[in-house]
Amino acid sequence: MSGEFGFEKLCSEVAELSRNELKARLLHFQGRLKMDFTEAYLDSLALDKLRHILLAALAVDARKRA
């Protein structure tokens, strides 16, 4: 992810994901940041929270790779 444009693109991509897509991405996240969520926990969260968690994880992962 390079610069502000890369982050904006990442935000747009995450914003377009459905609840099921967000859950799948979080449950099977393959980045350097290790996450351990249950499906039941993710089901209890609002859609915006799921987006926020995934976006944060992707941003941290991109920063660690840079």
C-alpha atoms as a PDB file:
ATOM      1  CA  MET A   1       0.000   0.000   0.000  1.00  0.00           C
ATOM      2  CA  SER A   2       1.676   3.189  -1.096  1.00  0.00           C
ATOM      3  CA  GLY A   3       0.515   6.514   0.203  1.00  0.00           C
ATOM      4  CA  GLU A   4      -2.897   7.971   0.683  1.00  0.00           C
ATOM      5  CA  PHE A   5      -4.311   6.608  -2.585  1.00  0.00           C
ATOM      6  CA  GLY A   6      -3.484   3.044  -1.547  1.00  0.00           C
ATOM      7  CA  PHE A   7      -5.251   3.482   1.771  1.00  0.00           C
ATOM      8  CA  GLU A   8      -8.311   5.013   0.105  1.00  0.00           C
ATOM      9  CA  LYS A   9      -8.460   2.082  -2.319  1.00  0.00           C
ATOM     10  CA  LEU A  10      -8.206  -0.356   0.580  1.00  0.00           C
ATOM     11  CA  CYS A  11     -11.034   1.469   2.387  1.00  0.00           C
ATOM     12  CA  SER A  12     -13.229   1.279  -0.710  1.00  0.00           C
ATOM     13  CA  GLU A  13     -12.565  -2.427  -1.159  1.00  0.00           C
ATOM     14  CA  VAL A  14     -13.418  -3.206   2.471  1.00  0.00           C
ATOM     15  CA  ALA A  15     -16.546  -1.017   2.310  1.00  0.00           C
ATOM     16  CA  GLU A  16     -17.876  -3.072  -0.603  1.00  0.00           C
ATOM     17  CA  LEU A  17     -17.615  -6.432   1.186  1.00  0.00           C
ATOM     18  CA  SER A  18     -20.754  -8.145   2.434  1.00  0.00           C
ATOM     19  CA  ARG A  19     -21.097  -9.398   6.014  1.00  0.00           C
ATOM     20  CA  ASN A  20     -20.297 -12.959   4.893  1.00  0.00           C
ATOM     21  CA  GLU A  21     -17.238 -11.815   2.949  1.00  0.00           C
ATOM     22  CA  LEU A  22     -15.992  -9.791   5.914  1.00  0.00           C
ATOM     23  CA  LYS A  23     -16.452 -12.734   8.273  1.00  0.00           C
ATOM     24  CA  ALA A  24     -14.636 -15.079   5.901  1.00  0.00           C
ATOM     25  CA  ARG A  25     -11.731 -12.658   5.508  1.00  0.00           C
ATOM     26  CA  LEU A  26     -11.440 -12.254   9.290  1.00  0.00           C
ATOM     27  CA  LEU A  27     -11.752 -15.961  10.048  1.00  0.00           C
ATOM     28  CA  HIS A  28      -9.084 -16.847   7.472  1.00  0.00           C
ATOM     29  CA  PHE A  29      -6.816 -13.796   7.729  1.00  0.00           C
ATOM     30  CA  GLN A  30      -3.341 -14.743   6.502  1.00  0.00           C
ATOM     31  CA  GLY A  31      -1.413 -11.621   7.444  1.00  0.00           C
ATOM     32  CA  ARG A  32       1.416 -11.209   9.900  1.00  0.00           C
ATOM     33  CA  LEU A  33      -1.050 -10.042  12.539  1.00  0.00           C
ATOM     34  CA  LYS A  34      -2.541 -13.105  14.213  1.00  0.00           C
ATOM     35  CA  MET A  35      -6.268 -13.006  14.938  1.00  0.00           C
ATOM     36  CA  ASP A  36      -8.426 -15.652  16.571  1.00  0.00           C
ATOM     37  CA  PHE A  37     -12.147 -14.906  16.272  1.00  0.00           C
ATOM     38  CA  THR A  38     -15.033 -17.310  16.519  1.00  0.00           C
ATOM     39  CA  GLU A  39     -17.856 -17.130  14.034  1.00  0.00           C
ATOM     40  CA  ALA A  40     -20.299 -16.582  16.919  1.00  0.00           C
ATOM     41  CA  TYR A  41     -18.331 -13.537  18.093  1.00  0.00           C
ATOM     42  CA  LEU A  42     -18.197 -12.055  14.592  1.00  0.00           C
ATOM     43  CA  ASP A  43     -21.954 -12.657  14.219  1.00  0.00           C
ATOM     44  CA  SER A  44     -22.519 -10.542  17.331  1.00  0.00           C
ATOM     45  CA  LEU A  45     -20.727  -7.494  15.883  1.00  0.00           C
ATOM     46  CA  ALA A  46     -22.245  -4.712  13.816  1.00  0.00           C
ATOM     47  CA  LEU A  47     -21.270  -4.561  10.157  1.00  0.00           C
ATOM     48  CA  ASP A  48     -19.257  -1.369  10.706  1.00  0.00           C
ATOM     49  CA  LYS A  49     -17.229  -3.045  13.466  1.00  0.00           C
ATOM     50  CA  LEU A  50     -16.369  -5.946  11.151  1.00  0.00           C
ATOM     51  CA  ARG A  51     -15.214  -3.486   8.512  1.00  0.00           C
ATOM     52  CA  HIS A  52     -13.170  -1.555  11.052  1.00  0.00           C
ATOM     53  CA  ILE A  53     -11.412  -4.676  12.351  1.00  0.00           C
ATOM     54  CA  LEU A  54     -10.559  -5.927   8.859  1.00  0.00           C
ATOM     55  CA  LEU A  55      -9.386  -2.527   7.678  1.00  0.00           C
ATOM     56  CA  ALA A  56      -7.179  -2.117  10.760  1.00  0.00           C
ATOM     57  CA  ALA A  57      -5.688  -5.581  10.296  1.00  0.00           C
ATOM     58  CA  LEU A  58      -4.958  -4.957   6.608  1.00  0.00           C
ATOM     59  CA  ALA A  59      -3.418  -1.542   7.338  1.00  0.00           C
ATOM     60  CA  VAL A  60      -1.188  -2.954  10.092  1.00  0.00           C
ATOM     61  CA  ASP A  61      -0.170  -5.837   7.832  1.00  0.00           C
ATOM     62  CA  ALA A  62       0.665  -3.467   4.967  1.00  0.00           C
ATOM     63  CA  ARG A  63       2.727  -1.267   7.259  1.00  0.00           C
ATOM     64  CA  LYS A  64       4.666  -4.279   8.598  1.00  0.00           C
ATOM     65  CA  ARG A  65       5.464  -5.350   5.024  1.00  0.00           C
ATOM     66  CA  ALA A  66       6.767  -1.904   4.044  1.00  0.00           C
END
